[in-house]
Structure formats: structure tokens, C-alpha cells
C-alpha atoms as a PDB file:
ATOM      1  CA  MET A   1      49.896  36.855 -47.824  1.00  0.00           C
ATOM      2  CA  SER A   2      48.464  33.553 -48.980  1.00  0.00           C
ATOM      3  CA  GLU A   3      44.945  33.995 -50.346  1.00  0.00           C
ATOM      4  CA  THR A   4      43.738  30.494 -49.542  1.00  0.00           C
ATOM      5  CA  VAL A   5      40.720  29.855 -47.353  1.00  0.00           C
ATOM      6  CA  ILE A   6      41.457  29.414 -43.656  1.00  0.00           C
ATOM      7  CA  THR A   7      39.819  26.559 -41.755  1.00  0.00           C
ATOM      8  CA  ILE A   8      39.482  26.297 -37.976  1.00  0.00           C
ATOM      9  CA  LEU A   9      38.335  22.861 -36.841  1.00  0.00           C
ATOM     10  CA  GLY A  10      38.353  20.766 -33.709  1.00  0.00           C
ATOM     11  CA  PRO A  11      36.089  18.909 -31.295  1.00  0.00           C
ATOM     12  CA  THR A  12      33.303  20.648 -29.432  1.00  0.00           C
ATOM     13  CA  ALA A  13      34.100  23.066 -26.584  1.00  0.00           C
ATOM     14  CA  THR A  14      37.616  23.955 -27.784  1.00  0.00           C
ATOM     15  CA  GLY A  15      36.992  27.626 -28.590  1.00  0.00           C
ATOM     16  CA  LYS A  16      36.945  27.531 -32.387  1.00  0.00           C
ATOM     17  CA  THR A  17      34.593  30.457 -32.924  1.00  0.00           C
ATOM     18  CA  LYS A  18      36.515  32.787 -30.635  1.00  0.00           C
ATOM     19  CA  LEU A  19      39.766  32.083 -32.495  1.00  0.00           C
ATOM     20  CA  ALA A  20      38.129  32.335 -35.922  1.00  0.00           C
ATOM     21  CA  THR A  21      36.537  35.697 -35.202  1.00  0.00           C
ATOM     22  CA  ALA A  22      39.781  37.095 -33.791  1.00  0.00           C
ATOM     23  CA  LEU A  23      41.574  36.091 -36.987  1.00  0.00           C
ATOM     24  CA  ALA A  24      38.747  37.489 -39.082  1.00  0.00           C
ATOM     25  CA  GLN A  25      39.155  40.867 -37.417  1.00  0.00           C
ATOM     26  CA  LYS A  26      42.860  40.930 -38.243  1.00  0.00           C
ATOM     27  CA  LEU A  27      42.484  39.608 -41.794  1.00  0.00           C
ATOM     28  CA  ASN A  28      39.392  41.488 -42.969  1.00  0.00           C
ATOM     29  CA  GLY A  29      37.654  38.144 -42.909  1.00  0.00           C
ATOM     30  CA  GLU A  30      34.195  36.628 -42.662  1.00  0.00           C
ATOM     31  CA  ILE A  31      33.169  33.369 -41.018  1.00  0.00           C
ATOM     32  CA  ILE A  32      31.520  30.415 -42.739  1.00  0.00           C
ATOM     33  CA  SER A  33      29.996  28.175 -40.086  1.00  0.00           C
ATOM     34  CA  ALA A  34      30.710  24.478 -40.667  1.00  0.00           C
ATOM     35  CA  ASP A  35      28.159  23.176 -38.203  1.00  0.00           C
ATOM     36  CA  SER A  36      25.388  20.833 -39.315  1.00  0.00           C
ATOM     37  CA  ARG A  37      22.879  22.215 -36.815  1.00  0.00           C
ATOM     38  CA  GLN A  38      23.680  25.930 -36.647  1.00  0.00           C
ATOM     39  CA  VAL A  39      21.971  26.285 -40.023  1.00  0.00           C
ATOM     40  CA  TYR A  40      18.623  26.102 -38.197  1.00  0.00           C
ATOM     41  CA  ARG A  41      16.794  29.146 -36.876  1.00  0.00           C
ATOM     42  CA  GLN A  42      15.522  29.107 -33.279  1.00  0.00           C
ATOM     43  CA  MET A  43      18.026  26.395 -32.375  1.00  0.00           C
ATOM     44  CA  ASP A  44      20.492  28.654 -30.617  1.00  0.00           C
ATOM     45  CA  ILE A  45      21.396  27.330 -27.182  1.00  0.00           C
ATOM     46  CA  GLY A  46      21.590  23.664 -28.151  1.00  0.00           C
ATOM     47  CA  THR A  47      23.783  24.337 -31.182  1.00  0.00           C
ATOM     48  CA  GLY A  48      26.064  26.757 -29.342  1.00  0.00           C
ATOM     49  CA  LYS A  49      25.842  29.581 -31.850  1.00  0.00           C
ATOM     50  CA  ASP A  50      27.602  31.890 -29.399  1.00  0.00           C
ATOM     51  CA  ILE A  51      26.714  34.941 -31.482  1.00  0.00           C
ATOM     52  CA  GLU A  52      28.315  37.142 -28.831  1.00  0.00           C
ATOM     53  CA  ASP A  53      31.688  35.775 -29.990  1.00  0.00           C
ATOM     54  CA  TYR A  54      31.128  37.521 -33.330  1.00  0.00           C
ATOM     55  CA  PHE A  55      31.257  40.937 -31.652  1.00  0.00           C
ATOM     56  CA  ILE A  56      34.783  42.294 -31.237  1.00  0.00           C
ATOM     57  CA  ASP A  57      35.400  45.842 -30.027  1.00  0.00           C
ATOM     58  CA  GLY A  58      31.768  46.686 -30.683  1.00  0.00           C
ATOM     59  CA  GLN A  59      31.848  45.474 -34.289  1.00  0.00           C
ATOM     60  CA  MET A  60      30.092  42.437 -35.714  1.00  0.00           C
ATOM     61  CA  ILE A  61      32.272  39.964 -37.613  1.00  0.00           C
ATOM     62  CA  PRO A  62      30.160  38.912 -40.626  1.00  0.00           C
ATOM     63  CA  TYR A  63      29.118  35.265 -40.668  1.00  0.00           C
ATOM     64  CA  HIS A  64      27.451  32.895 -43.119  1.00  0.00           C
ATOM     65  CA  LEU A  65      25.425  29.645 -43.040  1.00  0.00           C
ATOM     66  CA  ILE A  66      23.893  30.294 -39.647  1.00  0.00           C
ATOM     67  CA  ASP A  67      20.073  30.613 -39.398  1.00  0.00           C
ATOM     68  CA  ILE A  68      19.430  29.729 -43.035  1.00  0.00           C
ATOM     69  CA  ALA A  69      16.902  26.884 -42.589  1.00  0.00           C
ATOM     70  CA  GLU A  70      13.723  26.343 -40.618  1.00  0.00           C
ATOM     71  CA  PRO A  71      13.797  23.927 -37.651  1.00  0.00           C
ATOM     72  CA  GLY A  72      12.500  20.555 -38.737  1.00  0.00           C
ATOM     73  CA  GLU A  73      13.595  21.119 -42.341  1.00  0.00           C
ATOM     74  CA  GLU A  74      15.820  18.538 -43.988  1.00  0.00           C
ATOM     75  CA  TYR A  75      19.227  20.117 -44.542  1.00  0.00           C
ATOM     76  CA  ASN A  76      22.183  18.011 -45.593  1.00  0.00           C
ATOM     77  CA  VAL A  77      25.858  18.139 -46.447  1.00  0.00           C
ATOM     78  CA  SER A  78      25.144  18.569 -50.172  1.00  0.00           C
ATOM     79  CA  LYS A  79      23.088  21.729 -49.591  1.00  0.00           C
ATOM     80  CA  TRP A  80      25.696  23.051 -47.181  1.00  0.00           C
ATOM     81  CA  GLN A  81      28.545  22.351 -49.606  1.00  0.00           C
ATOM     82  CA  GLN A  82      26.866  24.306 -52.398  1.00  0.00           C
ATOM     83  CA  ALA A  83      26.007  27.160 -50.038  1.00  0.00           C
ATOM     84  CA  ALA A  84      29.593  27.248 -48.722  1.00  0.00           C
ATOM     85  CA  HIS A  85      30.994  27.541 -52.251  1.00  0.00           C
ATOM     86  CA  LYS A  86      28.657  30.467 -52.929  1.00  0.00           C
ATOM     87  CA  ALA A  87      29.655  32.102 -49.639  1.00  0.00           C
ATOM     88  CA  ILE A  88      33.368  31.775 -50.435  1.00  0.00           C
ATOM     89  CA  ALA A  89      32.840  33.282 -53.892  1.00  0.00           C
ATOM     90  CA  ASP A  90      30.844  36.133 -52.368  1.00  0.00           C
ATOM     91  CA  ILE A  91      33.397  36.847 -49.635  1.00  0.00           C
ATOM     92  CA  GLU A  92      36.414  36.684 -51.927  1.00  0.00           C
ATOM     93  CA  GLY A  93      34.585  38.668 -54.591  1.00  0.00           C
ATOM     94  CA  ARG A  94      34.411  41.555 -52.124  1.00  0.00           C
ATOM     95  CA  GLY A  95      38.125  41.321 -51.416  1.00  0.00           C
ATOM     96  CA  ARG A  96      37.700  39.739 -47.992  1.00  0.00           C
ATOM     97  CA  ARG A  97      39.044  36.509 -46.446  1.00  0.00           C
ATOM     98  CA  ALA A  98      36.883  33.401 -46.015  1.00  0.00           C
ATOM     99  CA  ILE A  99      37.363  31.542 -42.732  1.00  0.00           C
ATOM    100  CA  VAL A 100      35.583  28.198 -42.366  1.00  0.00           C
ATOM    101  CA  CYS A 101      34.957  27.351 -38.727  1.00  0.00           C
ATOM    102  CA  GLY A 102      33.270  24.340 -37.170  1.00  0.00           C
ATOM    103  CA  GLY A 103      33.331  20.818 -35.919  1.00  0.00           C
ATOM    104  CA  SER A 104      31.278  18.940 -38.518  1.00  0.00           C
ATOM    105  CA  GLY A 105      34.077  16.944 -40.096  1.00  0.00           C
ATOM    106  CA  MET A 106      32.005  15.582 -42.960  1.00  0.00           C
ATOM    107  CA  TYR A 107      30.937  19.092 -43.985  1.00  0.00           C
ATOM    108  CA  ILE A 108      34.477  20.449 -43.842  1.00  0.00           C
ATOM    109  CA  GLU A 109      35.921  17.509 -45.766  1.00  0.00           C
ATOM    110  CA  ALA A 110      33.164  17.683 -48.386  1.00  0.00           C
ATOM    111  CA  LEU A 111      34.066  21.318 -49.034  1.00  0.00           C
ATOM    112  CA  LEU A 112      37.851  21.020 -48.975  1.00  0.00           C
ATOM    113  CA  LYS A 113      38.027  17.735 -50.856  1.00  0.00           C
ATOM    114  CA  GLY A 114      35.358  18.654 -53.381  1.00  0.00           C
ATOM    115  CA  TYR A 115      32.930  15.797 -52.825  1.00  0.00           C
ATOM    116  CA  ARG A 116      30.383  15.381 -55.587  1.00  0.00           C
ATOM    117  CA  LEU A 117      27.189  15.028 -53.638  1.00  0.00           C
ATOM    118  CA  SER A 118      24.390  16.066 -55.988  1.00  0.00           C
ATOM    119  CA  PRO A 119      22.338  13.006 -56.964  1.00  0.00           C
ATOM    120  CA  VAL A 120      22.731  11.829 -60.549  1.00  0.00           C
ATOM    121  CA  PRO A 121      19.504  10.472 -62.083  1.00  0.00           C
ATOM    122  CA  PRO A 122      19.462   7.189 -64.036  1.00  0.00           C
ATOM    123  CA  GLN A 123      20.536   7.611 -67.663  1.00  0.00           C
ATOM    124  CA  PRO A 124      19.449   4.393 -69.434  1.00  0.00           C
ATOM    125  CA  GLU A 125      20.063   5.681 -72.967  1.00  0.00           C
ATOM    126  CA  LEU A 126      23.580   6.795 -72.086  1.00  0.00           C
ATOM    127  CA  ARG A 127      24.319   3.471 -70.376  1.00  0.00           C
ATOM    128  CA  THR A 128      23.126   1.573 -73.471  1.00  0.00           C
ATOM    129  CA  GLU A 129      25.392   3.664 -75.689  1.00  0.00           C
ATOM    130  CA  LEU A 130      28.402   3.280 -73.377  1.00  0.00           C
ATOM    131  CA  GLU A 131      27.945  -0.489 -73.261  1.00  0.00           C
ATOM    132  CA  THR A 132      28.795  -0.666 -76.975  1.00  0.00           C
ATOM    133  CA  HIS A 133      32.393   0.456 -76.298  1.00  0.00           C
ATOM    134  CA  THR A 134      35.377  -1.549 -75.136  1.00  0.00           C
ATOM    135  CA  ASP A 135      37.013  -0.976 -71.764  1.00  0.00           C
ATOM    136  CA  GLU A 136      39.950   0.691 -73.487  1.00  0.00           C
ATOM    137  CA  GLU A 137      37.669   3.109 -75.324  1.00  0.00           C
ATOM    138  CA  LEU A 138      35.766   3.893 -72.135  1.00  0.00           C
ATOM    139  CA  THR A 139      39.006   4.499 -70.252  1.00  0.00           C
ATOM    140  CA  ARG A 140      40.200   6.973 -72.886  1.00  0.00           C
ATOM    141  CA  LEU A 141      36.841   8.735 -72.734  1.00  0.00           C
ATOM    142  CA  LEU A 142      37.037   8.987 -68.943  1.00  0.00           C
ATOM    143  CA  ALA A 143      40.590  10.351 -69.209  1.00  0.00           C
ATOM    144  CA  SER A 144      39.273  13.091 -71.514  1.00  0.00           C
ATOM    145  CA  PHE A 145      37.175  14.411 -68.610  1.00  0.00           C
ATOM    146  CA  ARG A 146      39.734  14.227 -65.815  1.00  0.00           C
ATOM    147  CA  PRO A 147      43.181  12.828 -64.942  1.00  0.00           C
ATOM    148  CA  LEU A 148      43.191   9.165 -63.906  1.00  0.00           C
ATOM    149  CA  HIS A 149      45.424   9.281 -60.842  1.00  0.00           C
ATOM    150  CA  ASN A 150      44.632   5.710 -59.858  1.00  0.00           C
ATOM    151  CA  HIS A 151      42.949   2.675 -61.356  1.00  0.00           C
ATOM    152  CA  THR A 152      40.007   2.524 -58.924  1.00  0.00           C
ATOM    153  CA  ASP A 153      37.467   3.673 -61.530  1.00  0.00           C
ATOM    154  CA  THR A 154      38.935   1.594 -64.339  1.00  0.00           C
ATOM    155  CA  CYS A 155      39.650  -1.747 -62.679  1.00  0.00           C
ATOM    156  CA  GLU A 156      36.125  -3.070 -63.235  1.00  0.00           C
ATOM    157  CA  ARG A 157      33.719  -2.365 -66.073  1.00  0.00           C
ATOM    158  CA  PRO A 158      30.743  -1.475 -63.818  1.00  0.00           C
ATOM    159  CA  ARG A 159      32.893   1.104 -62.005  1.00  0.00           C
ATOM    160  CA  LEU A 160      34.124   2.472 -65.313  1.00  0.00           C
ATOM    161  CA  LEU A 161      30.591   2.841 -66.651  1.00  0.00           C
ATOM    162  CA  HIS A 162      29.390   4.504 -63.455  1.00  0.00           C
ATOM    163  CA  ALA A 163      32.339   6.923 -63.412  1.00  0.00           C
ATOM    164  CA  LEU A 164      31.590   7.940 -66.989  1.00  0.00           C
ATOM    165  CA  GLU A 165      27.913   8.442 -66.240  1.00  0.00           C
ATOM    166  CA  LEU A 166      28.871  10.816 -63.437  1.00  0.00           C
ATOM    167  CA  GLU A 167      31.407  12.747 -65.522  1.00  0.00           C
ATOM    168  CA  ILE A 168      29.077  13.139 -68.488  1.00  0.00           C
ATOM    169  CA  TYR A 169      26.203  14.272 -66.270  1.00  0.00           C
ATOM    170  CA  TYR A 170      28.310  16.814 -64.400  1.00  0.00           C
ATOM    171  CA  ASN A 171      29.804  18.039 -67.680  1.00  0.00           C
ATOM    172  CA  LYS A 172      26.262  18.788 -68.877  1.00  0.00           C
ATOM    173  CA  HIS A 173      25.417  20.455 -65.559  1.00  0.00           C
ATOM    174  CA  PRO A 174      28.473  22.578 -64.700  1.00  0.00           C
ATOM    175  CA  GLU A 175      26.550  24.318 -61.917  1.00  0.00           C
ATOM    176  CA  LEU A 176      26.757  21.052 -59.942  1.00  0.00           C
ATOM    177  CA  LYS A 177      30.509  20.663 -60.289  1.00  0.00           C
ATOM    178  CA  THR A 178      32.535  21.160 -57.148  1.00  0.00           C
ATOM    179  CA  LYS A 179      36.255  21.710 -56.941  1.00  0.00           C
ATOM    180  CA  PRO A 180      38.543  21.088 -53.974  1.00  0.00           C
ATOM    181  CA  VAL A 181      39.099  24.194 -51.870  1.00  0.00           C
ATOM    182  CA  GLU A 182      42.679  25.029 -50.978  1.00  0.00           C
ATOM    183  CA  SER A 183      42.895  25.824 -47.289  1.00  0.00           C
ATOM    184  CA  ILE A 184      45.277  26.426 -44.441  1.00  0.00           C
ATOM    185  CA  ILE A 185      43.881  24.237 -41.662  1.00  0.00           C
ATOM    186  CA  PHE A 186      44.277  24.886 -37.956  1.00  0.00           C
ATOM    187  CA  GLY A 187      42.966  22.392 -35.435  1.00  0.00           C
ATOM    188  CA  LEU A 188      42.255  22.934 -31.757  1.00  0.00           C
ATOM    189  CA  LYS A 189      42.831  20.027 -29.422  1.00  0.00           C
ATOM    190  CA  GLY A 190      43.573  19.512 -25.753  1.00  0.00           C
ATOM    191  CA  ASP A 191      43.897  17.214 -22.803  1.00  0.00           C
ATOM    192  CA  ARG A 192      40.909  14.869 -22.698  1.00  0.00           C
ATOM    193  CA  ASP A 193      40.147  15.615 -19.051  1.00  0.00           C
ATOM    194  CA  LEU A 194      40.214  19.342 -19.717  1.00  0.00           C
ATOM    195  CA  ILE A 195      37.833  19.004 -22.660  1.00  0.00           C
ATOM    196  CA  ARG A 196      35.551  16.755 -20.601  1.00  0.00           C
ATOM    197  CA  ARG A 197      35.356  19.407 -17.895  1.00  0.00           C
ATOM    198  CA  LYS A 198      34.633  22.106 -20.453  1.00  0.00           C
ATOM    199  CA  ILE A 199      31.860  20.002 -21.997  1.00  0.00           C
ATOM    200  CA  THR A 200      30.258  19.276 -18.624  1.00  0.00           C
ATOM    201  CA  ASP A 201      30.473  22.891 -17.452  1.00  0.00           C
ATOM    202  CA  ARG A 202      29.047  24.134 -20.730  1.00  0.00           C
ATOM    203  CA  LEU A 203      26.144  21.690 -20.556  1.00  0.00           C
ATOM    204  CA  LYS A 204      25.266  22.877 -17.050  1.00  0.00           C
ATOM    205  CA  GLN A 205      25.328  26.456 -18.300  1.00  0.00           C
ATOM    206  CA  ARG A 206      23.131  25.681 -21.305  1.00  0.00           C
ATOM    207  CA  LEU A 207      20.550  23.988 -19.112  1.00  0.00           C
ATOM    208  CA  GLN A 208      20.561  27.011 -16.813  1.00  0.00           C
ATOM    209  CA  ASN A 209      20.274  29.378 -19.770  1.00  0.00           C
ATOM    210  CA  GLY A 210      17.111  27.828 -21.183  1.00  0.00           C
ATOM    211  CA  LEU A 211      17.996  24.773 -23.251  1.00  0.00           C
ATOM    212  CA  ILE A 212      14.892  22.876 -22.132  1.00  0.00           C
ATOM    213  CA  GLU A 213      12.703  25.912 -22.766  1.00  0.00           C
ATOM    214  CA  GLU A 214      14.197  26.271 -26.255  1.00  0.00           C
ATOM    215  CA  VAL A 215      13.139  22.728 -27.156  1.00  0.00           C
ATOM    216  CA  GLU A 216       9.725  23.230 -25.522  1.00  0.00           C
ATOM    217  CA  LYS A 217       9.173  26.252 -27.757  1.00  0.00           C
ATOM    218  CA  LEU A 218      10.130  24.293 -30.874  1.00  0.00           C
ATOM    219  CA  ILE A 219       7.648  21.571 -29.990  1.00  0.00           C
ATOM    220  CA  ALA A 220       4.963  24.159 -29.204  1.00  0.00           C
ATOM    221  CA  GLU A 221       5.508  25.572 -32.686  1.00  0.00           C
ATOM    222  CA  ASN A 222       4.854  22.114 -34.143  1.00  0.00           C
ATOM    223  CA  VAL A 223       8.388  21.205 -35.085  1.00  0.00           C
ATOM    224  CA  ASN A 224       8.295  17.462 -35.688  1.00  0.00           C
ATOM    225  CA  GLN A 225       9.573  15.657 -32.598  1.00  0.00           C
ATOM    226  CA  THR A 226      10.900  12.789 -34.694  1.00  0.00           C
ATOM    227  CA  GLN A 227      13.073  15.309 -36.528  1.00  0.00           C
ATOM    228  CA  LEU A 228      14.266  16.788 -33.232  1.00  0.00           C
ATOM    229  CA  LEU A 229      15.342  13.300 -32.172  1.00  0.00           C
ATOM    230  CA  LYS A 230      17.293  12.983 -35.434  1.00  0.00           C
ATOM    231  CA  TYR A 231      19.200  16.189 -34.696  1.00  0.00           C
ATOM    232  CA  GLY A 232      20.784  14.293 -31.827  1.00  0.00           C
ATOM    233  CA  LEU A 233      22.563  15.356 -28.656  1.00  0.00           C
ATOM    234  CA  GLU A 234      20.793  18.262 -26.907  1.00  0.00           C
ATOM    235  CA  TYR A 235      17.656  18.097 -29.034  1.00  0.00           C
ATOM    236  CA  LYS A 236      17.351  14.337 -28.810  1.00  0.00           C
ATOM    237  CA  PHE A 237      17.760  14.027 -25.055  1.00  0.00           C
ATOM    238  CA  VAL A 238      15.728  17.104 -24.110  1.00  0.00           C
ATOM    239  CA  THR A 239      12.912  15.860 -26.365  1.00  0.00           C
ATOM    240  CA  LEU A 240      13.044  12.480 -24.627  1.00  0.00           C
ATOM    241  CA  TYR A 241      12.877  14.284 -21.272  1.00  0.00           C
ATOM    242  CA  LEU A 242       9.868  16.317 -22.392  1.00  0.00           C
ATOM    243  CA  GLN A 243       8.220  13.108 -23.579  1.00  0.00           C
ATOM    244  CA  GLY A 244       8.586  11.755 -20.051  1.00  0.00           C
ATOM    245  CA  LYS A 245      11.084   9.085 -21.077  1.00  0.00           C
ATOM    246  CA  LEU A 246      13.938  10.511 -18.986  1.00  0.00           C
ATOM    247  CA  THR A 247      14.151  12.139 -15.581  1.00  0.00           C
ATOM    248  CA  LYS A 248      16.001  15.432 -15.325  1.00  0.00           C
ATOM    249  CA  GLU A 249      18.934  13.637 -13.716  1.00  0.00           C
ATOM    250  CA  GLU A 250      18.979  11.063 -16.535  1.00  0.00           C
ATOM    251  CA  LEU A 251      18.780  13.865 -19.078  1.00  0.00           C
ATOM    252  CA  PHE A 252      21.950  15.465 -17.752  1.00  0.00           C
ATOM    253  CA  GLU A 253      23.839  12.207 -17.265  1.00  0.00           C
ATOM    254  CA  LYS A 254      23.009  10.648 -20.628  1.00  0.00           C
ATOM    255  CA  LEU A 255      23.435  13.883 -22.582  1.00  0.00           C
ATOM    256  CA  ASN A 256      26.763  14.600 -20.920  1.00  0.00           C
ATOM    257  CA  ILE A 257      28.055  11.137 -21.860  1.00  0.00           C
ATOM    258  CA  ALA A 258      26.728  11.491 -25.421  1.00  0.00           C
ATOM    259  CA  ILE A 259      28.543  14.813 -25.947  1.00  0.00           C
ATOM    260  CA  HIS A 260      31.803  13.313 -24.663  1.00  0.00           C
ATOM    261  CA  GLN A 261      31.393  10.437 -27.115  1.00  0.00           C
ATOM    262  CA  PHE A 262      30.608  12.901 -29.896  1.00  0.00           C
ATOM    263  CA  SER A 263      33.815  14.794 -29.129  1.00  0.00           C
ATOM    264  CA  LYS A 264      35.808  11.594 -29.541  1.00  0.00           C
ATOM    265  CA  ARG A 265      34.120  10.851 -32.871  1.00  0.00           C
ATOM    266  CA  GLN A 266      34.998  14.335 -34.085  1.00  0.00           C
ATOM    267  CA  MET A 267      38.677  13.749 -33.362  1.00  0.00           C
ATOM    268  CA  THR A 268      38.486  10.351 -35.054  1.00  0.00           C
ATOM    269  CA  TRP A 269      37.170  12.062 -38.208  1.00  0.00           C
ATOM    270  CA  PHE A 270      39.881  14.719 -38.151  1.00  0.00           C
ATOM    271  CA  ARG A 271      42.582  12.059 -37.693  1.00  0.00           C
ATOM    272  CA  LYS A 272      41.132  10.243 -40.692  1.00  0.00           C
ATOM    273  CA  MET A 273      41.387  13.471 -42.687  1.00  0.00           C
ATOM    274  CA  GLU A 274      45.077  13.605 -41.808  1.00  0.00           C
ATOM    275  CA  ARG A 275      45.581  10.013 -42.957  1.00  0.00           C
ATOM    276  CA  ASP A 276      43.879  10.964 -46.211  1.00  0.00           C
ATOM    277  CA  GLY A 277      46.420  13.711 -46.818  1.00  0.00           C
ATOM    278  CA  PHE A 278      45.048  16.838 -45.152  1.00  0.00           C
ATOM    279  CA  VAL A 279      47.660  18.814 -43.223  1.00  0.00           C
ATOM    280  CA  ILE A 280      46.182  20.047 -39.944  1.00  0.00           C
ATOM    281  CA  ASP A 281      48.278  22.407 -37.829  1.00  0.00           C
ATOM    282  CA  TRP A 282      47.215  21.504 -34.287  1.00  0.00           C
ATOM    283  CA  ILE A 283      47.169  24.065 -31.476  1.00  0.00           C
ATOM    284  CA  ASP A 284      46.673  23.062 -27.848  1.00  0.00           C
ATOM    285  CA  ILE A 285      43.759  24.838 -26.195  1.00  0.00           C
ATOM    286  CA  SER A 286      45.887  25.428 -23.085  1.00  0.00           C
ATOM    287  CA  VAL A 287      48.073  27.858 -25.070  1.00  0.00           C
ATOM    288  CA  PRO A 288      47.284  31.498 -24.128  1.00  0.00           C
ATOM    289  CA  PHE A 289      44.755  33.013 -26.527  1.00  0.00           C
ATOM    290  CA  GLU A 290      47.018  35.794 -27.800  1.00  0.00           C
ATOM    291  CA  ASP A 291      49.707  33.201 -28.520  1.00  0.00           C
ATOM    292  CA  LYS A 292      47.209  31.184 -30.553  1.00  0.00           C
ATOM    293  CA  ILE A 293      46.436  34.232 -32.640  1.00  0.00           C
ATOM    294  CA  SER A 294      50.103  35.086 -33.126  1.00  0.00           C
ATOM    295  CA  TYR A 295      50.926  31.518 -34.147  1.00  0.00           C
ATOM    296  CA  CYS A 296      48.141  31.442 -36.727  1.00  0.00           C
ATOM    297  CA  MET A 297      49.074  34.840 -38.131  1.00  0.00           C
ATOM    298  CA  GLU A 298      52.699  33.763 -38.571  1.00  0.00           C
ATOM    299  CA  LYS A 299      51.549  30.712 -40.547  1.00  0.00           C
ATOM    300  CA  ILE A 300      49.094  32.693 -42.648  1.00  0.00           C
ATOM    301  CA  LEU A 301      51.248  35.685 -43.555  1.00  0.00           C
END
């Protein structure tokens, strides 16, 4: 069996969590949520945590990076990336399988591609010292840190200097280094009309199940409304409704449209990942669930 990480991605409302947990049960795995909003506590309905999907045959499938930040707190892709690396190390260190699951394309790509996201402070003394060297000397120095697969960082002196500043800083702070994560990637996709219906039906259900009340409670607990607006989608439009800027009918209509548009943007990101070299094994959501599981298991084993 390949020991690489497994990734389940796809646009919203395609059943990613259900598939990921089913695979986790079969593979002695644990889930790492790749969702930019599920990190927040008390934001359950709007983020679609679907915790019930983590229970299979009466047993809880372990999960990570859900409910790790307070609502209103600033949490970004850099923090998530570092936390995901720690979660993978923890899971694999216990002899279990890490399964990344979510629809936040930037988060998934940052992890798998190994984006360097930690801010690097200005280093004026280093820059002054580097400026005394020729381009050829700087290029050799850069090559001593990492392979130069292309000439992007060496075609202009400012780029060369900046690349060296980054490499030298990260070399001094190895805890900030991130490596690409090898992963088998499965994607869930489907007919646009089918996904649209699923999105609309799910939104109706969330509104019936207390979405508005969830946002009311957050506001009552003094979560900054400006931050809720920044979280987008459900939290943005329900906040606008509670502020009296939308009617209930407008809330549903505008939010429904916004989620459909979000779904399209997700697919655009995943297609871009493919153009950048990621291999995504797409599975149609209309395929029977057991067949989805069997297909994935054949590819994994």
C-alpha cells in the first residue's frame, strides 16, 4: 500500500466528508479538514461541519483542524498550513493514514505544493552584504540552498537577491520550512444542474436548522460583525439580514446565487491546480457510493 497522504477535494455539496470518512474507516485513517471556516468554534451550520458524517458504525473517525480557533479570530492559510503539517506528522507517527478533505483550494495547494507563507522580516545588513557579490556568485550561492529548476529567480538581480534573502532566512529558521506533501488526489465533480440543486436544497435545510440563530448567537456574544462579513457566504448574508439590509427573501436569493458562484470558483481553482501539474482523479458524484469507495481503494492499494 502506498503510504502517501490521500486528498479528497471538490466543490461544495459534493459529499467529500462522507467519502473521506468511509475511506478513513477502511484505511485506519484520520481526517484533516481543509476548510478555511471550519477552524472556527460555534460556526457549525454555516460551515457545514457535518460532524455526524464522522460517525460510522457507532465509532468516531478522528478529525483535525476543526474547532481550533475562536469566531472573529484572524486565521489564515499560513497558520493552517503549519497546523496541517503537524497533524500529518502526528497521524503518521501513530501508524495511521492522513486524509486531507475539503474545498479550500488555496489551503490544499499550499500544503501539497509546499508554499512558503511565513513572513520574512527585512534584513538590511544581509542585503548590503549580498549586494557586494556578482550575479554569478549570487546564483551559485542560491544553488547551494536548492536546485535551480528554472531561471525565474535568477533572471533579474532584484529577484535573485530576494530569493537569497528567503533561503538564508529559512535556513536559519528550519521550523518555518515547508516541504511539498506527496498525495493521491481524488476529486468529486458532477453535473452543474445537479450540484445547483444540491446547493439550493442544502441552503434551505440550513436555514430551517438554525443558520440565522447561529449568527444571532455569535453577534450576541460580541463577535465582530465586520469579521463575520469577511467570512463571506452564509455569515456575510445572514449578518446583512440581521442588520436590516436584506429581507428574508433577498437573503435566500442572494446567498443561493453566491454559493453557486463560489462552487464555480472552486472548480476553477482545481482546474488551475491540474494545469500546474497536480494529477486529480475525478469521480462523478452520480456514481453509487460503494462504487466510489471501491474505485478509490483500488487506486490506493
